[in-house]
Amino acid sequence: MALAAIPAAVMLLAISQGAGAQALAHQSLEDRLNTLMRVVDEQQRQINSLERQVTDLQMAQRGRGLPGAGAAPADNGAADSTAAQQPGADGLPVPLPPLAQINPNANAPGSSTGTATGVPVTPPVPEGASAKAAGTGGGTGGAPSSGESPGAIGQTQKAAEPARTQAEEAVVQREHAPLFDHKLTLDWGINDTYYDRRQLQLSGFLALDAIFLGNINLGETKSHQVMSDLDVRYGLTDRISIDADVPYMYRTSNFIVGGAGGSASTMSDASASSHALGDVNFGLYYQLLKETGNLPDVVASLRVKAPTGTSPFGIKVVQVDADNTNLVAPTKLPTGTGFWNITGGVSVLKTYDPVVLFGSFSYTYNVSRSFADISSVVGQTQPATVKLGDVIQFGGGVALAFSDKDSASVAYTMALEPATETKAPGGAWSKVPGSETTASAVTFGLNHVVNKHLTINGSVSIGLTPDTPNFVVGVRFPYTF
């Protein structure tokens, strides 16, 4: 009888809606407005009910319990009637109240296309229907069917990376690893690196190992290095990605020193500049772990840099001002290191929406190389084998996504490099005094997602040690196809 009453109730509802529509057409403007206001209030109550159902379903999918779970189906008609009067007693979300007015363009009640919020849910049980019929009809009841566990909804979901906003994805791409999944990215950037160094210059000799006779001058070097590079990245699989980075550099330096005309207080200066291809480098990335609720995203990388830029060895230093023997400058400036090197590293990233934590560690092995001339003195040739110190670098930072398209980050990095060693043909290795370095910097970044293809990444890095540039200002434009 209860099942037979459902079609009759639907027919009566359709007739009443038609009659209501005809009556609405003969109402005055004020009455129509009042009727529409009541419809809006009723629909708002339905929206609130839908939101509660969605929240209950999400909690059920996360294993936090099903609404109404644990209620046993009724065994007789009286129990069926009682259970039907208790919302949620059958394990289903609370039924929605009927619509006051139905939009002719909306989906029919009971269709499986989803709710007004766009989230597909189990259709509510019509009022007056028995809990037993709802629990057995079509397998859509709140009580699990045979062989189905209460957590079946959550178990059917595939373990995957957590959902990230566009701003968080920009942070992942910038600080952690390139994109995977067969996506091609062209990342063009430009940055300006500024150095400002002052040093005390002595021109003279010690008398009796205690008294200095000669001139004491303060020398200063100011340098700008503008680099533009194009990094091409491509994801071979969902875990493996490769890239190639081609830089082009323009360098200019200004050398200032006293001693012109034999006076330590009289300054003179000279400038030098060069522009050429930098050191081209290639990279391979492998995603060891994909981020889950408990585990971070872990990516291993291997990079190789080739000495395609201008080597700093063999560049001669000449006296620029004939009236100042203290002022010397190189004939050109290098745009590369002159060495092959191999860098292995690992980076870790974890998302705690809206915060992203990241860190990295790398080790760079510099391959020793023989040069026909490493002397900077004009007219002198000095062949030697040079071995740069292997570099250990580590760092970490945090990014905050303050909207779907914008995020800010701050990071700290430190690089430790032992002293450089040289060896003359047939001789032994010897360290170069003063070549050991400790570079430390703090970097502030700002990311903006223009659209699904283009992102703008700006950054300012401030050096904390004398071996680090004063500052580096850069901007990048990664475009993903």
Protein backbone atom coordinates (compact mmCIF):
# COMPACT_ATOMS: atom_id res chain seq x y z
CA MET A 1 0.00 0.00 0.00
CA ALA A 2 2.82 2.38 0.81
CA LEU A 3 4.50 1.74 -2.55
CA ALA A 4 1.19 2.21 -4.38
CA ALA A 5 0.70 5.56 -2.67
CA ILE A 6 3.93 7.00 -4.07
CA PRO A 7 2.70 7.40 -7.73
CA ALA A 8 -0.57 8.85 -6.45
CA ALA A 9 1.32 11.37 -4.32
CA VAL A 10 3.49 12.37 -7.29
CA MET A 11 0.38 12.82 -9.48
CA LEU A 12 -1.33 14.95 -6.82
CA LEU A 13 1.85 17.06 -6.47
CA ALA A 14 2.01 17.66 -10.24
CA ILE A 15 -1.73 18.61 -10.31
CA SER A 16 -1.28 20.98 -7.39
CA GLN A 17 1.75 22.60 -9.03
CA GLY A 18 -0.21 23.14 -12.26
CA ALA A 19 -3.09 24.64 -10.35
CA GLY A 20 -0.66 26.82 -8.41
CA ALA A 21 0.89 28.08 -11.66
CA GLN A 22 -2.57 28.99 -13.04
CA ALA A 23 -3.46 30.73 -9.82
CA LEU A 24 -0.19 32.66 -9.87
CA ALA A 25 -1.00 34.01 -13.34
CA HIS A 26 -4.22 35.70 -12.00
CA GLN A 27 -2.60 37.21 -8.90
CA SER A 28 -1.70 40.86 -8.52
CA LEU A 29 1.89 42.07 -8.70
CA GLU A 30 2.16 42.39 -4.91
CA ASP A 31 0.76 38.89 -4.37
CA ARG A 32 3.20 37.49 -6.90
CA LEU A 33 6.12 39.16 -5.11
CA ASN A 34 4.99 37.71 -1.78
CA THR A 35 4.65 34.27 -3.34
CA LEU A 36 8.12 34.50 -4.89
CA MET A 37 9.60 35.55 -1.55
CA ARG A 38 8.11 32.47 0.08
CA VAL A 39 9.55 30.33 -2.72
CA VAL A 40 13.00 31.86 -2.17
CA ASP A 41 12.81 31.21 1.58
CA GLU A 42 11.79 27.60 0.99
CA GLN A 43 14.59 27.05 -1.51
CA GLN A 44 17.11 28.57 0.92
CA ARG A 45 16.02 26.04 3.55
CA GLN A 46 16.53 23.27 0.97
CA ILE A 47 20.02 24.60 0.15
CA ASN A 48 20.92 24.52 3.84
CA SER A 49 19.64 20.95 4.05
CA LEU A 50 21.72 19.99 0.98
CA GLU A 51 24.85 21.49 2.53
CA ARG A 52 24.31 19.41 5.67
CA GLN A 53 23.93 16.28 3.54
CA VAL A 54 27.13 17.05 1.62
CA THR A 55 29.01 17.56 4.88
CA ASP A 56 27.72 14.25 6.22
CA LEU A 57 28.76 12.46 3.01
CA GLN A 58 32.24 13.99 3.12
CA MET A 59 32.68 12.91 6.73
CA ALA A 60 31.52 9.42 5.80
CA GLN A 61 34.02 9.25 2.93
CA ARG A 62 36.84 10.23 5.28
CA GLY A 63 35.97 7.42 7.64
CA ARG A 64 34.48 9.61 10.33
CA GLY A 65 31.19 7.67 10.49
CA LEU A 66 27.98 7.53 8.47
CA PRO A 67 24.99 9.62 9.51
CA GLY A 68 22.38 7.46 11.10
CA ALA A 69 24.60 4.35 10.93
CA GLY A 70 23.86 1.57 13.30
CA ALA A 71 20.06 1.73 13.07
CA ALA A 72 18.69 -1.71 12.38
CA PRO A 73 15.92 -2.12 9.77
CA ALA A 74 12.43 -2.56 11.10
CA ASP A 75 10.86 -6.01 11.20
CA ASN A 76 7.15 -5.15 11.13
CA GLY A 77 4.74 -2.57 9.85
CA ALA A 78 4.46 -0.68 13.13
CA ALA A 79 8.21 -0.42 13.42
CA ASP A 80 8.38 0.66 9.74
CA SER A 81 5.96 3.51 10.43
CA THR A 82 7.91 4.61 13.50
CA ALA A 83 11.27 4.48 11.69
CA ALA A 84 9.88 6.46 8.76
CA GLN A 85 8.97 9.27 11.13
CA GLN A 86 12.52 9.54 12.50
CA PRO A 87 14.87 11.38 10.07
CA GLY A 88 18.19 9.61 9.71
CA ALA A 89 17.03 6.45 11.44
CA ASP A 90 17.45 4.45 8.24
CA GLY A 91 21.04 5.65 7.69
CA LEU A 92 20.03 8.16 4.97
CA PRO A 93 20.50 11.94 5.12
CA VAL A 94 17.53 13.93 6.39
CA PRO A 95 14.90 14.14 3.57
CA LEU A 96 14.39 17.48 1.91
CA PRO A 97 11.06 19.31 2.23
CA PRO A 98 9.08 19.50 -1.04
CA LEU A 99 9.65 22.51 -3.25
CA ALA A 100 7.06 25.26 -3.00
CA GLN A 101 7.48 26.01 -6.68
CA ILE A 102 9.34 23.94 -9.30
CA ASN A 103 11.32 25.51 -12.13
CA PRO A 104 10.22 23.82 -15.39
CA ASN A 105 13.85 23.85 -16.61
CA ALA A 106 15.22 22.09 -13.52
CA ASN A 107 15.95 18.38 -13.31
CA ALA A 108 13.04 16.16 -12.38
CA PRO A 109 12.91 14.98 -8.77
CA GLY A 110 14.78 11.76 -8.27
CA SER A 111 17.06 12.20 -11.30
CA SER A 112 20.67 11.06 -10.88
CA THR A 113 22.30 14.16 -12.33
CA GLY A 114 23.10 15.62 -8.90
CA THR A 115 21.87 18.26 -6.50
CA ALA A 116 21.77 22.03 -6.74
CA THR A 117 25.25 22.17 -5.26
CA GLY A 118 26.70 19.99 -8.03
CA VAL A 119 27.52 17.09 -5.68
CA PRO A 120 25.86 13.76 -6.57
CA VAL A 121 24.04 12.32 -3.57
CA THR A 122 21.63 9.46 -2.82
CA PRO A 123 18.05 10.67 -3.53
CA PRO A 124 16.12 11.24 -0.26
CA VAL A 125 13.34 8.87 0.74
CA PRO A 126 9.88 10.35 0.01
CA GLU A 127 7.94 11.26 3.11
CA GLY A 128 5.58 8.54 4.16
CA ALA A 129 7.61 5.73 2.62
CA SER A 130 8.65 2.92 4.93
CA ALA A 131 12.23 2.69 6.17
CA LYS A 132 12.30 -0.94 5.13
CA ALA A 133 11.43 -0.10 1.52
CA ALA A 134 14.06 2.66 1.48
CA GLY A 135 16.70 0.27 2.83
CA THR A 136 16.04 -2.43 0.23
CA GLY A 137 14.79 -0.71 -2.87
CA GLY A 138 17.48 -0.30 -5.56
CA GLY A 139 20.32 -0.60 -3.06
CA THR A 140 20.20 3.13 -2.32
CA GLY A 141 19.26 2.92 1.35
CA GLY A 142 21.48 3.98 4.21
CA ALA A 143 21.93 0.43 5.49
CA PRO A 144 24.75 -1.36 3.61
CA SER A 145 23.71 -4.14 1.30
CA SER A 146 25.11 -7.67 1.42
CA GLY A 147 28.90 -7.70 0.98
CA GLU A 148 29.16 -3.88 1.28
CA SER A 149 30.96 -2.27 4.19
CA PRO A 150 29.88 1.07 5.73
CA GLY A 151 33.12 2.68 4.45
CA ALA A 152 32.65 1.54 0.84
CA ILE A 153 32.40 5.11 -0.38
CA GLY A 154 35.82 6.06 1.00
CA GLN A 155 37.42 2.77 -0.03
CA THR A 156 36.52 3.29 -3.67
CA GLN A 157 38.48 6.53 -3.84
CA LYS A 158 41.96 6.26 -5.29
CA ALA A 159 44.87 7.42 -3.15
CA ALA A 160 46.20 10.54 -4.86
CA GLU A 161 47.86 13.87 -4.21
CA PRO A 162 45.76 16.31 -2.19
CA ALA A 163 43.83 18.94 -4.06
CA ARG A 164 45.87 22.14 -4.38
CA THR A 165 44.88 25.62 -5.44
CA GLN A 166 46.50 27.20 -8.49
CA ALA A 167 48.66 29.33 -6.20
CA GLU A 168 49.88 26.24 -4.32
CA GLU A 169 50.66 24.46 -7.61
CA ALA A 170 52.79 27.47 -8.62
CA VAL A 171 54.77 27.12 -5.38
CA VAL A 172 55.25 23.38 -6.00
CA GLN A 173 56.53 24.02 -9.52
CA ARG A 174 58.88 26.79 -8.43
CA GLU A 175 60.35 25.45 -5.19
CA HIS A 176 60.07 21.71 -5.56
CA ALA A 177 59.92 20.04 -8.97
CA PRO A 178 58.75 20.51 -12.55
CA LEU A 179 55.38 19.31 -13.76
CA PHE A 180 54.90 15.67 -14.74
CA ASP A 181 52.13 13.95 -16.77
CA HIS A 182 53.43 14.61 -20.31
CA LYS A 183 53.22 18.39 -19.97
CA LEU A 184 55.60 20.75 -21.75
CA THR A 185 56.67 23.89 -19.90
CA LEU A 186 58.69 26.81 -21.28
CA ASP A 187 60.10 28.79 -18.36
CA TRP A 188 61.75 32.09 -19.33
CA GLY A 189 63.34 34.28 -16.71
CA ILE A 190 65.64 37.24 -16.19
CA ASN A 191 67.53 38.35 -13.07
CA ASP A 192 70.06 40.93 -11.96
CA THR A 193 72.82 39.99 -9.51
CA TYR A 194 74.69 42.81 -7.78
CA TYR A 195 78.06 42.59 -6.01
CA ASP A 196 79.73 45.33 -4.01
CA ARG A 197 83.15 44.46 -2.53
CA ARG A 198 85.65 46.58 -0.68
CA GLN A 199 89.17 45.51 0.20
CA LEU A 200 92.29 47.02 1.67
CA GLN A 201 95.18 47.21 -0.81
CA LEU A 202 98.80 47.51 0.35
CA SER A 203 101.54 48.65 -1.98
CA GLY A 204 104.97 48.54 -0.25
CA PHE A 205 107.07 46.33 2.00
CA LEU A 206 107.76 45.52 5.65
CA ALA A 207 110.94 46.86 7.27
CA LEU A 208 112.37 44.77 10.11
CA ASP A 209 109.24 42.60 9.89
CA ALA A 210 107.29 45.25 11.81
CA ILE A 211 107.18 48.57 9.96
CA PHE A 212 105.17 48.93 6.70
CA LEU A 213 106.61 51.33 4.15
CA GLY A 214 104.40 52.18 1.16
CA ASN A 215 100.83 53.16 0.24
CA ILE A 216 97.60 51.93 1.83
CA ASN A 217 94.56 52.20 -0.47
CA LEU A 218 90.94 51.12 -0.27
CA GLY A 219 89.81 49.35 -3.42
CA GLU A 220 86.16 48.79 -4.40
CA THR A 221 84.54 46.62 -7.03
CA LYS A 222 80.91 47.01 -8.17
CA SER A 223 79.46 44.40 -10.47
CA HIS A 224 76.14 43.66 -12.18
CA GLN A 225 75.38 40.32 -13.78
CA VAL A 226 72.21 40.20 -15.88
CA MET A 227 71.21 36.69 -16.91
CA SER A 228 68.35 35.62 -19.15
CA ASP A 229 67.65 31.92 -19.51
CA LEU A 230 65.09 29.57 -21.05
CA ASP A 231 64.32 26.34 -19.21
CA VAL A 232 62.44 23.71 -21.23
CA ARG A 233 60.78 20.99 -19.13
CA TYR A 234 58.82 17.94 -20.19
CA GLY A 235 57.16 15.16 -18.21
CA LEU A 236 57.97 11.75 -19.65
CA THR A 237 55.66 9.91 -17.22
CA ASP A 238 53.68 10.73 -14.11
CA ARG A 239 56.91 10.35 -12.10
CA ILE A 240 59.80 11.20 -14.48
CA SER A 241 60.58 14.62 -15.94
CA ILE A 242 63.53 16.12 -17.82
CA ASP A 243 64.65 19.67 -18.52
CA ALA A 244 67.35 21.71 -20.27
CA ASP A 245 68.36 25.24 -19.25
CA VAL A 246 70.19 27.61 -21.62
CA PRO A 247 71.43 30.91 -20.05
CA TYR A 248 72.83 34.03 -21.69
CA MET A 249 74.77 36.53 -19.57
CA TYR A 250 75.78 40.15 -19.64
CA ARG A 251 78.34 41.21 -17.04
CA THR A 252 79.75 44.62 -16.22
CA SER A 253 82.17 45.59 -13.42
CA ASN A 254 83.54 48.90 -12.20
CA PHE A 255 86.91 48.93 -10.39
CA ILE A 256 87.69 51.92 -8.12
CA VAL A 257 90.99 52.43 -6.32
CA GLY A 258 93.08 55.25 -4.91
CA GLY A 259 96.69 56.11 -5.72
CA ALA A 260 96.35 58.19 -8.86
CA GLY A 261 99.29 60.55 -9.22
CA GLY A 262 100.99 58.91 -6.24
CA SER A 263 98.32 60.16 -3.80
CA ALA A 264 96.32 57.64 -1.84
CA SER A 265 93.40 60.07 -1.56
CA THR A 266 93.05 60.52 -5.33
CA MET A 267 90.68 57.94 -6.84
CA SER A 268 90.50 56.53 -10.35
CA ASP A 269 88.32 53.86 -11.88
CA ALA A 270 87.97 51.55 -14.86
CA SER A 271 85.17 49.38 -16.29
CA ALA A 272 84.99 46.04 -18.06
CA SER A 273 82.05 44.17 -19.59
CA SER A 274 81.29 40.97 -21.49
CA HIS A 275 78.27 39.11 -22.82
CA ALA A 276 78.17 35.50 -23.97
CA LEU A 277 76.47 32.16 -23.50
CA GLY A 278 76.54 30.80 -19.96
CA ASP A 279 76.89 27.21 -18.72
CA VAL A 280 74.16 25.03 -20.22
CA ASN A 281 72.77 22.43 -17.81
CA PHE A 282 70.43 19.43 -18.00
CA GLY A 283 68.28 17.78 -15.34
CA LEU A 284 66.41 14.55 -14.62
CA TYR A 285 63.71 14.36 -11.91
CA TYR A 286 62.10 11.30 -10.36
CA GLN A 287 59.19 11.47 -7.94
CA LEU A 288 59.97 9.00 -5.15
CA LEU A 289 56.77 9.63 -3.17
CA LYS A 290 53.51 11.30 -4.07
CA GLU A 291 52.03 13.43 -1.34
CA THR A 292 49.23 11.87 0.73
CA GLY A 293 47.53 12.84 3.95
CA ASN A 294 50.47 11.67 6.06
CA LEU A 295 53.45 11.54 3.68
CA PRO A 296 55.17 14.45 1.92
CA ASP A 297 55.98 14.75 -1.76
CA VAL A 298 59.60 13.62 -2.33
CA VAL A 299 61.50 14.19 -5.59
CA ALA A 300 65.07 13.15 -6.41
CA SER A 301 67.05 15.05 -9.05
CA LEU A 302 70.25 14.70 -11.04
CA ARG A 303 71.75 17.64 -12.94
CA VAL A 304 74.75 17.97 -15.22
CA LYS A 305 76.31 21.34 -16.11
CA ALA A 306 78.58 21.76 -19.14
CA PRO A 307 81.36 24.42 -19.36
CA THR A 308 79.85 26.24 -22.35
CA GLY A 309 80.44 29.71 -20.89
CA THR A 310 83.65 31.75 -20.90
CA SER A 311 86.18 30.28 -18.47
CA PRO A 312 87.72 32.59 -15.81
CA PHE A 313 91.16 31.01 -16.24
CA GLY A 314 93.72 32.59 -18.53
CA ILE A 315 92.05 36.03 -18.56
CA LYS A 316 94.82 38.65 -18.26
CA VAL A 317 94.73 41.62 -15.92
CA VAL A 318 96.22 44.85 -17.26
CA GLN A 319 97.01 48.31 -15.88
CA VAL A 320 94.24 50.61 -17.09
CA ASP A 321 95.47 54.02 -15.89
CA ALA A 322 99.11 54.85 -16.68
CA ASP A 323 99.06 57.37 -13.81
CA ASN A 324 97.85 54.80 -11.26
CA THR A 325 99.76 51.56 -10.92
CA ASN A 326 97.19 50.30 -8.39
CA LEU A 327 94.33 50.32 -10.91
CA VAL A 328 94.20 47.09 -12.85
CA ALA A 329 91.25 45.40 -14.57
CA PRO A 330 90.66 42.17 -16.56
CA THR A 331 90.47 42.36 -20.34
CA LYS A 332 87.13 40.52 -20.26
CA LEU A 333 84.78 38.96 -17.71
CA PRO A 334 83.88 35.27 -17.48
CA THR A 335 80.33 33.98 -18.04
CA GLY A 336 80.89 30.43 -16.75
CA THR A 337 82.87 28.38 -14.24
CA GLY A 338 84.94 26.43 -16.77
CA PHE A 339 84.11 23.05 -15.20
CA TRP A 340 81.79 20.11 -15.65
CA ASN A 341 79.83 19.34 -12.52
CA ILE A 342 77.21 16.82 -11.41
CA THR A 343 74.59 17.64 -8.78
CA GLY A 344 72.44 15.10 -6.97
CA GLY A 345 69.69 16.28 -4.71
CA VAL A 346 66.40 15.54 -3.02
CA SER A 347 63.53 17.91 -2.23
CA VAL A 348 60.60 17.44 0.14
CA LEU A 349 57.28 19.27 0.10
CA LYS A 350 54.13 19.06 2.24
CA THR A 351 50.87 20.94 1.80
CA TYR A 352 48.85 22.11 4.79
CA ASP A 353 46.30 24.25 3.02
CA PRO A 354 46.88 27.22 2.74
CA VAL A 355 50.52 26.68 3.87
CA VAL A 356 53.17 24.82 1.86
CA LEU A 357 56.40 23.66 3.55
CA PHE A 358 59.44 22.74 1.44
CA GLY A 359 63.08 21.84 1.90
CA SER A 360 66.01 20.52 -0.14
CA PHE A 361 69.50 19.07 0.10
CA SER A 362 72.06 18.68 -2.71
CA TYR A 363 75.68 17.72 -3.30
CA THR A 364 77.67 19.05 -6.27
CA TYR A 365 80.76 17.25 -7.52
CA ASN A 366 83.08 19.46 -9.60
CA VAL A 367 85.17 17.49 -12.09
CA SER A 368 88.84 18.52 -12.14
CA ARG A 369 90.10 19.97 -15.42
CA SER A 370 93.48 20.82 -16.93
CA PHE A 371 94.06 24.28 -18.40
CA ALA A 372 96.89 25.42 -20.67
CA ASP A 373 97.12 28.72 -18.75
CA ILE A 374 95.68 29.83 -15.41
CA SER A 375 97.91 32.88 -14.93
CA SER A 376 96.43 36.41 -14.98
CA VAL A 377 99.80 38.10 -15.61
CA VAL A 378 100.39 39.43 -19.11
CA GLY A 379 103.19 37.56 -20.89
CA GLN A 380 103.17 34.65 -18.43
CA THR A 381 101.85 31.15 -19.11
CA GLN A 382 101.12 28.71 -16.29
CA PRO A 383 99.55 25.32 -17.14
CA ALA A 384 97.83 23.53 -14.26
CA THR A 385 95.05 21.18 -13.23
CA VAL A 386 92.34 22.82 -11.14
CA LYS A 387 89.84 21.15 -8.82
CA LEU A 388 87.04 23.26 -7.36
CA GLY A 389 85.71 22.24 -3.96
CA ASP A 390 82.58 20.08 -3.90
CA VAL A 391 79.54 22.06 -2.77
CA ILE A 392 77.04 21.02 -0.09
CA GLN A 393 73.81 23.02 -0.21
CA PHE A 394 70.71 22.84 1.93
CA GLY A 395 67.72 25.01 2.69
CA GLY A 396 64.04 25.26 3.37
CA GLY A 397 61.13 27.60 3.47
CA VAL A 398 57.40 28.19 3.73
CA ALA A 399 54.81 29.56 1.31
CA LEU A 400 51.37 30.96 2.07
CA ALA A 401 48.58 30.97 -0.51
CA PHE A 402 46.43 33.97 0.43
CA SER A 403 44.09 33.51 -2.55
CA ASP A 404 43.43 30.99 -5.32
CA LYS A 405 45.92 32.76 -7.60
CA ASP A 406 48.43 34.49 -5.31
CA SER A 407 50.99 33.26 -2.83
CA ALA A 408 54.07 34.54 -1.00
CA SER A 409 57.09 32.59 0.21
CA VAL A 410 60.26 32.97 2.23
CA ALA A 411 63.21 30.58 2.07
CA TYR A 412 66.72 30.22 3.47
CA THR A 413 69.65 28.52 1.71
CA MET A 414 73.27 27.87 2.60
CA ALA A 415 76.09 26.52 0.43
CA LEU A 416 79.46 25.33 1.79
CA GLU A 417 82.41 25.01 -0.61
CA PRO A 418 85.92 23.89 0.47
CA ALA A 419 89.08 25.51 -0.87
CA THR A 420 90.07 25.18 -4.52
CA GLU A 421 93.16 23.08 -5.26
CA THR A 422 95.66 23.37 -8.12
CA LYS A 423 98.41 21.10 -9.36
CA ALA A 424 101.25 21.99 -11.72
CA PRO A 425 102.32 19.32 -14.24
CA GLY A 426 104.25 16.67 -12.29
CA GLY A 427 103.62 18.47 -8.99
CA ALA A 428 101.38 17.93 -5.97
CA TRP A 429 98.02 19.41 -5.10
CA SER A 430 98.07 22.73 -3.21
CA LYS A 431 95.20 24.80 -1.84
CA VAL A 432 94.46 28.29 -3.09
CA PRO A 433 94.45 30.67 -0.08
CA GLY A 434 91.13 32.39 0.55
CA SER A 435 89.14 30.21 -1.88
CA GLU A 436 86.96 28.53 0.75
CA THR A 437 83.47 30.04 0.72
CA THR A 438 80.26 30.03 2.75
CA ALA A 439 77.27 31.45 0.91
CA SER A 440 74.02 32.14 2.77
CA ALA A 441 70.92 34.00 1.60
CA VAL A 442 67.26 34.67 2.37
CA THR A 443 64.84 34.73 -0.56
CA PHE A 444 61.39 36.34 -0.67
CA GLY A 445 59.06 35.27 -3.45
CA LEU A 446 55.68 36.30 -4.84
CA ASN A 447 53.69 34.15 -7.28
CA HIS A 448 50.66 35.12 -9.38
CA VAL A 449 48.70 32.72 -11.56
CA VAL A 450 47.49 34.56 -14.68
CA ASN A 451 45.57 31.60 -16.11
CA LYS A 452 45.87 27.82 -16.34
CA HIS A 453 48.88 28.17 -18.66
CA LEU A 454 50.87 31.20 -17.45
CA THR A 455 52.33 32.04 -14.03
CA ILE A 456 54.47 35.01 -12.93
CA ASN A 457 57.09 34.36 -10.24
CA GLY A 458 59.00 37.24 -8.71
CA SER A 459 61.79 36.96 -6.14
CA VAL A 460 64.32 39.01 -4.17
CA SER A 461 67.32 37.28 -2.57
CA ILE A 462 69.43 39.05 0.06
CA GLY A 463 72.96 37.86 0.81
CA LEU A 464 73.94 37.26 4.43
CA THR A 465 77.67 36.55 4.03
CA PRO A 466 80.51 38.28 2.11
CA ASP A 467 80.70 35.30 -0.28
CA THR A 468 77.09 35.88 -1.38
CA PRO A 469 75.83 38.59 -3.79
CA ASN A 470 74.38 41.66 -2.11
CA PHE A 471 71.04 40.95 -3.75
CA VAL A 472 69.47 39.12 -6.67
CA VAL A 473 66.22 40.39 -8.21
CA GLY A 474 64.47 38.17 -10.71
CA VAL A 475 61.19 37.35 -12.42
CA ARG A 476 60.14 34.20 -14.29
CA PHE A 477 57.27 33.38 -16.65
CA PRO A 478 56.62 29.61 -16.80
CA TYR A 479 54.10 28.70 -19.53
CA THR A 480 52.64 25.21 -19.51
CA PHE A 481 51.00 23.78 -22.64
